[in-house]
N, C-alpha and C. Protein backbone atom coordinates (compact mmCIF):
# COMPACT_ATOMS: atom_id res chain seq x y z
N MET A 1 129.73 101.92 107.37
CA MET A 1 128.74 101.29 108.19
C MET A 1 128.93 99.79 108.25
N GLY A 2 128.88 99.17 109.50
CA GLY A 2 129.42 97.96 109.72
C GLY A 2 128.15 96.93 109.36
N THR A 3 128.59 95.73 109.07
CA THR A 3 127.53 94.78 108.83
C THR A 3 126.42 94.67 109.98
N GLU A 4 126.90 94.61 111.11
CA GLU A 4 126.12 94.53 112.18
C GLU A 4 125.02 95.84 112.21
N ASN A 5 125.51 96.98 111.95
CA ASN A 5 124.69 98.21 111.87
C ASN A 5 123.61 98.05 110.86
N ILE A 6 123.92 97.43 109.57
CA ILE A 6 123.09 97.40 108.62
C ILE A 6 121.93 96.35 108.95
N LYS A 7 122.42 95.23 109.46
CA LYS A 7 121.22 94.37 110.08
C LYS A 7 120.31 94.71 110.93
N LEU A 8 120.95 95.63 111.86
CA LEU A 8 120.18 96.21 112.84
C LEU A 8 119.18 97.28 112.26
N GLU A 9 119.58 98.15 111.33
CA GLU A 9 118.82 98.89 110.67
C GLU A 9 117.68 98.53 109.91
N LEU A 10 117.96 97.19 109.17
CA LEU A 10 116.97 96.49 108.41
C LEU A 10 115.98 95.82 109.33
N MET A 11 116.45 95.39 110.59
CA MET A 11 115.24 94.75 111.38
C MET A 11 114.47 96.10 111.96
N GLU A 12 115.11 97.30 112.06
CA GLU A 12 114.10 98.43 112.70
C GLU A 12 113.24 98.75 111.45
N LEU A 13 113.72 98.40 110.07
CA LEU A 13 112.76 98.96 108.80
C LEU A 13 111.63 97.68 108.97
N GLU A 14 111.97 96.48 109.17
CA GLU A 14 110.82 95.54 109.10
C GLU A 14 109.90 95.81 110.36
N ALA A 15 110.48 96.27 111.48
CA ALA A 15 109.64 96.54 112.59
C ALA A 15 108.50 97.72 112.29
N SER A 16 109.09 98.77 111.66
CA SER A 16 108.30 100.02 111.43
C SER A 16 107.31 99.79 110.29
N ILE A 17 107.56 98.80 109.26
CA ILE A 17 106.49 98.54 108.31
C ILE A 17 105.65 97.40 108.82
N GLY A 18 105.95 96.56 109.74
CA GLY A 18 105.10 95.77 110.13
C GLY A 18 105.22 94.44 109.38
N HIS A 19 106.42 94.14 108.75
CA HIS A 19 106.57 92.75 107.91
C HIS A 19 107.95 92.47 108.07
N GLN A 20 108.00 91.16 108.36
CA GLN A 20 109.24 90.30 108.40
C GLN A 20 109.64 89.45 107.28
N PHE A 21 110.66 90.01 106.54
CA PHE A 21 111.08 89.36 105.17
C PHE A 21 111.74 88.02 105.38
N LYS A 22 111.52 87.06 104.56
CA LYS A 22 112.06 85.75 104.62
C LYS A 22 113.45 85.79 104.20
N ASN A 23 113.93 86.57 103.35
CA ASN A 23 115.26 86.76 102.93
C ASN A 23 115.75 88.04 103.04
N ILE A 24 116.36 88.35 104.31
CA ILE A 24 116.67 89.70 104.49
C ILE A 24 117.82 90.18 103.64
N ALA A 25 118.64 89.48 103.11
CA ALA A 25 119.78 89.76 102.07
C ALA A 25 118.91 90.43 100.81
N LEU A 26 117.74 89.90 100.41
CA LEU A 26 117.11 90.59 99.41
C LEU A 26 116.60 91.87 99.61
N LEU A 27 116.10 92.18 100.93
CA LEU A 27 115.79 93.53 101.36
C LEU A 27 116.95 94.43 101.23
N GLU A 28 118.02 93.94 101.71
CA GLU A 28 119.36 94.80 101.59
C GLU A 28 119.49 95.27 100.14
N GLU A 29 119.51 94.20 99.31
CA GLU A 29 119.68 94.54 97.90
C GLU A 29 118.75 95.54 97.28
N ALA A 30 117.49 95.32 97.85
CA ALA A 30 116.48 96.04 97.22
C ALA A 30 116.46 97.61 97.46
N ILE A 31 117.26 97.91 98.50
CA ILE A 31 117.36 99.28 99.17
C ILE A 31 118.65 99.81 98.86
N THR A 32 119.53 98.99 98.21
CA THR A 32 121.03 99.51 98.02
C THR A 32 121.20 100.07 96.62
N THR A 33 121.58 101.53 96.61
CA THR A 33 121.87 101.99 95.36
C THR A 33 123.19 101.58 94.70
N SER A 34 123.33 102.04 93.36
CA SER A 34 124.43 101.44 92.80
C SER A 34 125.69 102.22 93.10
N SER A 35 125.40 103.47 93.61
CA SER A 35 126.47 104.35 94.04
C SER A 35 127.15 103.59 95.33
N TYR A 36 126.27 103.24 96.32
CA TYR A 36 126.79 102.46 97.44
C TYR A 36 127.44 101.22 97.02
N SER A 37 127.05 100.36 96.14
CA SER A 37 127.69 99.14 95.76
C SER A 37 128.92 99.38 95.11
N THR A 38 128.92 100.51 94.33
CA THR A 38 130.35 100.93 93.67
C THR A 38 131.54 101.18 94.75
N GLU A 39 131.24 101.87 95.80
CA GLU A 39 132.00 102.29 96.84
C GLU A 39 132.25 101.06 97.87
N HIS A 40 131.59 100.04 97.79
CA HIS A 40 131.57 98.97 98.64
C HIS A 40 131.53 97.69 97.80
N PRO A 41 132.81 97.31 97.32
CA PRO A 41 132.75 96.07 96.42
C PRO A 41 132.22 95.03 97.23
N GLY A 42 131.59 94.19 96.40
CA GLY A 42 131.06 92.89 97.16
C GLY A 42 129.57 93.01 97.40
N SER A 43 129.23 94.40 97.48
CA SER A 43 127.62 94.41 97.61
C SER A 43 126.97 94.44 96.59
N SER A 44 125.58 93.98 96.49
CA SER A 44 124.80 94.09 95.42
C SER A 44 123.75 95.24 95.60
N ASP A 45 123.43 95.83 94.20
CA ASP A 45 122.54 96.88 94.39
C ASP A 45 121.04 96.30 93.65
N TYR A 46 120.11 97.38 93.64
CA TYR A 46 118.79 97.25 93.24
C TYR A 46 118.77 96.84 91.72
N GLN A 47 119.59 97.26 90.89
CA GLN A 47 119.36 97.25 89.64
C GLN A 47 118.86 96.03 88.92
N SER A 48 119.43 94.90 89.46
CA SER A 48 119.01 93.49 88.77
C SER A 48 117.47 93.37 89.08
N LEU A 49 117.11 93.69 90.43
CA LEU A 49 115.86 93.46 90.67
C LEU A 49 114.99 94.46 90.15
N GLU A 50 115.37 95.63 89.70
CA GLU A 50 114.57 96.53 88.97
C GLU A 50 114.37 96.04 87.63
N PHE A 51 115.27 95.59 87.00
CA PHE A 51 115.30 94.96 85.55
C PHE A 51 114.23 93.94 85.61
N LEU A 52 114.22 93.03 86.64
CA LEU A 52 113.38 91.80 86.63
C LEU A 52 111.90 92.45 86.84
N GLY A 53 111.69 93.35 87.89
CA GLY A 53 110.60 93.87 88.09
C GLY A 53 109.92 94.48 86.83
N ASP A 54 110.74 95.27 86.07
CA ASP A 54 110.39 95.85 84.99
C ASP A 54 109.87 94.58 83.82
N ARG A 55 110.66 93.65 83.74
CA ARG A 55 110.46 92.64 82.81
C ARG A 55 109.05 92.00 83.17
N VAL A 56 108.87 91.74 84.36
CA VAL A 56 107.43 90.97 84.75
C VAL A 56 106.45 91.98 84.53
N ILE A 57 106.57 93.20 84.72
CA ILE A 57 105.32 94.11 84.48
C ILE A 57 105.13 94.24 83.02
N SER A 58 106.22 94.06 82.00
CA SER A 58 105.79 94.15 80.59
C SER A 58 105.27 93.00 80.17
N LEU A 59 105.42 91.83 80.80
CA LEU A 59 104.66 90.56 80.49
C LEU A 59 103.24 90.47 80.83
N ILE A 60 102.75 91.58 81.86
CA ILE A 60 101.47 91.37 82.14
C ILE A 60 100.32 92.35 81.17
């Protein structure tokens, strides 16, 4: 899938949930699985965000 297709799909996701993200790259990272990022070098996956979220929750 090309970069333009991904951006279009992310924009459609924003429209369907009724929220526009300030940093669309974080949205892309948040929904990207580790298997996709392994197959597509240079792409980030949600694991680092998941770790951060788990850490924040453990602090509460």
